[in-house]
């Protein structure tokens, strides 16, 4: 179960509607307890942030696979490595260069 977020400020209803529709990236925020002082902040949609994190995690997985494949060859030496080891390394290298492949 998630913990509800603490309300730290308010935005105008029209800005909230635009944010829900994904229109506009900046909002005017009126933080609680500041006497009505207004700040402009960047708005990032949760779905956009999660997509960026998923992309980063996929890149980390590709880097880790390439590193592990290269390390395996390094441990046994080039002469002791099997063709499957080199295939694994080449596939991982291609995935780093072109993630869509």
N, C-alpha and C. Protein backbone atom coordinates (compact mmCIF):
# COMPACT_ATOMS: atom_id res chain seq x y z
N UNK A 1 0.85 -1.18 0.00
CA UNK A 1 0.00 0.00 0.00
C UNK A 1 0.89 1.23 0.00
N UNK A 2 0.54 2.22 -0.81
CA UNK A 2 1.35 3.42 -0.90
C UNK A 2 0.89 4.46 0.11
N UNK A 3 1.83 5.31 0.50
CA UNK A 3 1.54 6.39 1.42
C UNK A 3 1.07 7.59 0.61
N UNK A 4 -0.04 8.24 1.00
CA UNK A 4 -0.49 9.41 0.25
C UNK A 4 0.54 10.54 0.35
N UNK A 5 0.65 11.30 -0.74
CA UNK A 5 1.58 12.42 -0.76
C UNK A 5 1.03 13.59 0.04
N UNK A 6 1.93 14.31 0.69
CA UNK A 6 1.56 15.50 1.44
C UNK A 6 1.30 16.64 0.45
N UNK A 7 0.23 17.37 0.66
CA UNK A 7 -0.08 18.51 -0.20
C UNK A 7 0.86 19.65 0.18
N UNK A 8 1.61 20.12 -0.83
CA UNK A 8 2.58 21.18 -0.55
C UNK A 8 2.21 22.49 -1.23
N UNK A 9 1.18 22.47 -2.07
CA UNK A 9 0.80 23.70 -2.75
C UNK A 9 -0.43 23.48 -3.60
N UNK A 10 -0.85 24.54 -4.26
CA UNK A 10 -2.05 24.49 -5.08
C UNK A 10 -1.76 25.13 -6.43
N UNK A 11 -2.48 24.66 -7.47
CA UNK A 11 -2.40 25.29 -8.78
C UNK A 11 -3.81 25.67 -9.20
N UNK A 12 -3.88 26.54 -10.19
CA UNK A 12 -5.18 26.99 -10.70
C UNK A 12 -5.89 25.82 -11.38
N UNK A 13 -7.22 25.77 -11.29
CA UNK A 13 -7.98 24.68 -11.91
C UNK A 13 -7.73 24.51 -13.41
N UNK A 14 -7.59 25.62 -14.15
CA UNK A 14 -7.33 25.53 -15.59
C UNK A 14 -5.97 24.87 -15.85
N UNK A 15 -4.98 25.17 -15.01
CA UNK A 15 -3.66 24.54 -15.17
C UNK A 15 -3.75 23.05 -14.86
N UNK A 16 -4.57 22.70 -13.89
CA UNK A 16 -4.73 21.29 -13.55
C UNK A 16 -5.36 20.53 -14.72
N UNK A 17 -6.35 21.15 -15.38
CA UNK A 17 -6.99 20.53 -16.54
C UNK A 17 -5.97 20.33 -17.67
N UNK A 18 -5.14 21.36 -17.92
CA UNK A 18 -4.11 21.25 -18.96
C UNK A 18 -3.11 20.15 -18.61
N UNK A 19 -2.74 20.07 -17.35
CA UNK A 19 -1.79 19.04 -16.93
C UNK A 19 -2.36 17.64 -17.13
N UNK A 20 -3.64 17.47 -16.84
CA UNK A 20 -4.28 16.16 -17.02
C UNK A 20 -4.33 15.76 -18.48
N UNK A 21 -4.46 16.76 -19.36
CA UNK A 21 -4.51 16.48 -20.80
C UNK A 21 -3.11 16.40 -21.41
N UNK A 22 -2.08 16.71 -20.63
CA UNK A 22 -0.72 16.67 -21.14
C UNK A 22 -0.33 17.91 -21.91
N UNK A 23 -1.07 18.99 -21.73
CA UNK A 23 -0.79 20.25 -22.42
C UNK A 23 0.04 21.15 -21.50
N UNK A 24 1.12 21.68 -22.01
CA UNK A 24 1.93 22.61 -21.23
C UNK A 24 2.84 21.91 -20.25
N UNK A 25 4.01 22.47 -20.05
CA UNK A 25 4.98 21.85 -19.16
C UNK A 25 5.33 22.68 -17.95
N UNK A 26 4.80 23.90 -17.87
CA UNK A 26 5.11 24.76 -16.72
C UNK A 26 3.81 25.15 -16.03
N UNK A 27 3.85 25.19 -14.73
CA UNK A 27 2.67 25.60 -13.96
C UNK A 27 3.08 26.63 -12.92
N UNK A 28 2.11 27.42 -12.52
CA UNK A 28 2.33 28.35 -11.42
C UNK A 28 1.90 27.67 -10.13
N UNK A 29 2.80 27.54 -9.19
CA UNK A 29 2.52 26.85 -7.94
C UNK A 29 2.45 27.86 -6.80
N UNK A 30 1.42 27.73 -5.99
CA UNK A 30 1.27 28.56 -4.80
C UNK A 30 1.53 27.65 -3.59
N UNK A 31 2.79 27.60 -3.08
CA UNK A 31 3.09 26.72 -1.96
C UNK A 31 2.33 27.11 -0.70
N UNK A 32 1.95 26.12 0.07
CA UNK A 32 1.25 26.36 1.34
C UNK A 32 2.18 27.08 2.31
N UNK A 33 1.65 28.04 3.03
CA UNK A 33 2.41 28.71 4.08
C UNK A 33 3.39 29.76 3.59
N UNK A 34 3.23 30.25 2.34
CA UNK A 34 4.16 31.27 1.85
C UNK A 34 3.47 32.62 1.64
N UNK A 35 2.25 32.74 2.13
CA UNK A 35 1.55 34.02 2.01
C UNK A 35 1.12 34.34 0.59
N UNK A 36 0.86 33.34 -0.21
CA UNK A 36 0.37 33.56 -1.56
C UNK A 36 1.46 33.80 -2.59
N UNK A 37 2.73 33.70 -2.22
CA UNK A 37 3.81 33.88 -3.18
C UNK A 37 3.75 32.77 -4.22
N UNK A 38 3.95 33.12 -5.49
CA UNK A 38 3.81 32.16 -6.59
C UNK A 38 5.18 31.80 -7.15
N UNK A 39 5.33 30.52 -7.49
CA UNK A 39 6.54 30.00 -8.12
C UNK A 39 6.14 29.28 -9.40
N UNK A 40 6.98 29.37 -10.42
CA UNK A 40 6.75 28.63 -11.65
C UNK A 40 7.66 27.40 -11.61
N UNK A 41 7.06 26.24 -11.84
CA UNK A 41 7.82 24.99 -11.78
C UNK A 41 7.54 24.16 -13.03
N UNK A 42 8.51 23.29 -13.38
CA UNK A 42 8.33 22.36 -14.48
C UNK A 42 7.46 21.21 -14.02
N UNK A 43 6.58 20.80 -14.87
CA UNK A 43 5.69 19.70 -14.56
C UNK A 43 6.11 18.48 -15.38
N UNK A 44 6.37 17.38 -14.71
CA UNK A 44 6.72 16.14 -15.39
C UNK A 44 5.65 15.12 -15.09
N UNK A 45 5.09 14.57 -16.15
CA UNK A 45 4.06 13.54 -15.97
C UNK A 45 4.71 12.27 -15.46
N UNK A 46 4.03 11.57 -14.58
CA UNK A 46 4.54 10.33 -14.02
C UNK A 46 4.83 9.31 -15.12
N UNK A 47 3.96 9.22 -16.10
CA UNK A 47 4.17 8.25 -17.18
C UNK A 47 5.44 8.56 -17.96
N UNK A 48 5.74 9.85 -18.16
CA UNK A 48 6.97 10.23 -18.87
C UNK A 48 8.20 9.87 -18.04
N UNK A 49 8.11 10.11 -16.75
CA UNK A 49 9.23 9.78 -15.86
C UNK A 49 9.46 8.27 -15.81
N UNK A 50 8.39 7.50 -15.73
CA UNK A 50 8.51 6.04 -15.69
C UNK A 50 9.06 5.50 -17.00
N UNK A 51 8.67 6.10 -18.12
CA UNK A 51 9.20 5.67 -19.42
C UNK A 51 10.70 5.94 -19.51
N UNK A 52 11.14 7.09 -19.00
CA UNK A 52 12.56 7.41 -19.01
C UNK A 52 13.34 6.44 -18.12
N UNK A 53 12.77 6.09 -16.97
CA UNK A 53 13.42 5.13 -16.08
C UNK A 53 13.50 3.74 -16.71
N UNK A 54 12.46 3.33 -17.40
CA UNK A 54 12.46 2.03 -18.07
C UNK A 54 13.51 1.99 -19.17
N UNK A 55 13.65 3.11 -19.89
CA UNK A 55 14.66 3.21 -20.93
C UNK A 55 16.06 3.11 -20.33
N UNK A 56 16.27 3.79 -19.21
CA UNK A 56 17.56 3.73 -18.53
C UNK A 56 17.86 2.32 -18.04
N UNK A 57 16.86 1.66 -17.46
CA UNK A 57 17.05 0.30 -16.97
C UNK A 57 17.39 -0.67 -18.09
N UNK A 58 16.77 -0.49 -19.26
CA UNK A 58 17.07 -1.34 -20.41
C UNK A 58 18.51 -1.12 -20.87
N UNK A 59 18.96 0.12 -20.86
CA UNK A 59 20.35 0.43 -21.24
C UNK A 59 21.32 -0.20 -20.24
N UNK A 60 21.01 -0.14 -18.98
CA UNK A 60 21.86 -0.77 -17.95
C UNK A 60 21.93 -2.27 -18.18
N UNK A 61 20.80 -2.89 -18.51
CA UNK A 61 20.79 -4.34 -18.76
C UNK A 61 21.66 -4.69 -19.96
N UNK A 62 21.59 -3.87 -21.03
CA UNK A 62 22.43 -4.13 -22.21
C UNK A 62 23.90 -3.96 -21.88
N UNK A 63 24.25 -2.93 -21.11
CA UNK A 63 25.65 -2.72 -20.71
C UNK A 63 26.14 -3.87 -19.83
N UNK A 64 25.30 -4.31 -18.91
CA UNK A 64 25.68 -5.41 -18.01
C UNK A 64 25.91 -6.70 -18.81
N UNK A 65 25.06 -6.99 -19.78
CA UNK A 65 25.20 -8.19 -20.59
C UNK A 65 26.51 -8.15 -21.38
N UNK A 66 26.82 -7.00 -21.97
CA UNK A 66 28.06 -6.87 -22.74
C UNK A 66 29.27 -7.04 -21.82
N UNK A 67 29.21 -6.41 -20.66
CA UNK A 67 30.32 -6.52 -19.70
C UNK A 67 30.52 -7.97 -19.27
N UNK A 68 29.43 -8.66 -18.92
CA UNK A 68 29.54 -10.05 -18.46
C UNK A 68 30.07 -10.95 -19.57
N UNK A 69 29.63 -10.75 -20.81
CA UNK A 69 30.11 -11.56 -21.93
C UNK A 69 31.60 -11.31 -22.16
N UNK A 70 32.01 -10.06 -22.11
CA UNK A 70 33.42 -9.72 -22.30
C UNK A 70 34.27 -10.26 -21.15
N UNK A 71 33.76 -10.16 -19.96
CA UNK A 71 34.49 -10.65 -18.78
C UNK A 71 34.67 -12.16 -18.83
N UNK A 72 33.66 -12.87 -19.31
CA UNK A 72 33.75 -14.32 -19.43
C UNK A 72 34.88 -14.71 -20.39
N UNK A 73 34.98 -14.02 -21.52
CA UNK A 73 36.06 -14.27 -22.47
C UNK A 73 37.40 -13.92 -21.86
N UNK A 74 37.44 -12.82 -21.13
CA UNK A 74 38.68 -12.38 -20.49
C UNK A 74 39.17 -13.40 -19.47
N UNK A 75 38.27 -14.03 -18.75
CA UNK A 75 38.65 -14.99 -17.71
C UNK A 75 39.27 -16.26 -18.30
N UNK A 76 38.75 -16.73 -19.41
CA UNK A 76 39.28 -17.97 -20.00
C UNK A 76 40.37 -17.70 -21.02
N UNK A 77 40.50 -16.46 -21.44
CA UNK A 77 41.50 -16.10 -22.45
C UNK A 77 40.91 -16.26 -23.84
N UNK A 78 41.48 -15.53 -24.79
CA UNK A 78 40.95 -15.55 -26.16
C UNK A 78 41.07 -16.94 -26.77
N UNK A 79 42.18 -17.63 -26.50
CA UNK A 79 42.36 -18.96 -27.09
C UNK A 79 41.45 -20.00 -26.46
N UNK A 80 41.03 -19.79 -25.23
CA UNK A 80 40.17 -20.75 -24.55
C UNK A 80 38.69 -20.48 -24.71
N UNK A 81 38.35 -19.34 -25.31
CA UNK A 81 36.94 -18.98 -25.46
C UNK A 81 36.28 -19.79 -26.57
N UNK A 82 35.03 -20.13 -26.35
CA UNK A 82 34.27 -20.90 -27.34
C UNK A 82 33.58 -19.95 -28.32
N UNK A 83 33.18 -20.45 -29.47
CA UNK A 83 32.44 -19.60 -30.43
C UNK A 83 31.15 -19.03 -29.82
N UNK A 84 30.52 -19.79 -28.93
CA UNK A 84 29.30 -19.30 -28.29
C UNK A 84 29.58 -18.07 -27.43
N UNK A 85 30.75 -18.05 -26.80
CA UNK A 85 31.12 -16.89 -25.97
C UNK A 85 31.28 -15.66 -26.85
N UNK A 86 31.94 -15.82 -28.00
CA UNK A 86 32.11 -14.69 -28.91
C UNK A 86 30.77 -14.26 -29.50
N UNK A 87 29.90 -15.23 -29.79
CA UNK A 87 28.56 -14.90 -30.31
C UNK A 87 27.79 -14.07 -29.29
N UNK A 88 27.86 -14.48 -28.01
CA UNK A 88 27.16 -13.74 -26.95
C UNK A 88 27.68 -12.31 -26.88
N UNK A 89 29.00 -12.15 -26.96
CA UNK A 89 29.59 -10.81 -26.89
C UNK A 89 29.17 -9.97 -28.09
N UNK A 90 29.17 -10.57 -29.28
CA UNK A 90 28.79 -9.83 -30.49
C UNK A 90 27.32 -9.42 -30.46
N UNK A 91 26.46 -10.30 -29.99
CA UNK A 91 25.04 -9.97 -29.88
C UNK A 91 24.85 -8.82 -28.90
N UNK A 92 25.56 -8.87 -27.77
CA UNK A 92 25.46 -7.79 -26.77
C UNK A 92 26.00 -6.48 -27.34
N UNK A 93 27.08 -6.54 -28.11
CA UNK A 93 27.65 -5.33 -28.71
C UNK A 93 26.66 -4.71 -29.70
N UNK A 94 26.02 -5.55 -30.52
CA UNK A 94 25.03 -5.05 -31.48
C UNK A 94 23.84 -4.42 -30.75
N UNK A 95 23.43 -5.01 -29.64
CA UNK A 95 22.31 -4.46 -28.87
C UNK A 95 22.66 -3.09 -28.30
N UNK A 96 23.92 -2.89 -27.96
CA UNK A 96 24.34 -1.57 -27.46
C UNK A 96 24.30 -0.54 -28.58
N UNK A 97 24.73 -0.93 -29.76
CA UNK A 97 24.76 0.02 -30.88
C UNK A 97 23.37 0.33 -31.41
N UNK A 98 22.49 -0.68 -31.46
CA UNK A 98 21.14 -0.50 -31.97
C UNK A 98 20.15 -1.24 -31.09
N UNK A 99 19.61 -0.57 -30.08
CA UNK A 99 18.70 -1.24 -29.13
C UNK A 99 17.45 -1.83 -29.79
N UNK A 100 17.05 -1.32 -30.94
CA UNK A 100 15.84 -1.80 -31.61
C UNK A 100 16.07 -3.12 -32.34
N UNK A 101 17.34 -3.48 -32.59
CA UNK A 101 17.64 -4.71 -33.35
C UNK A 101 17.40 -5.95 -32.54
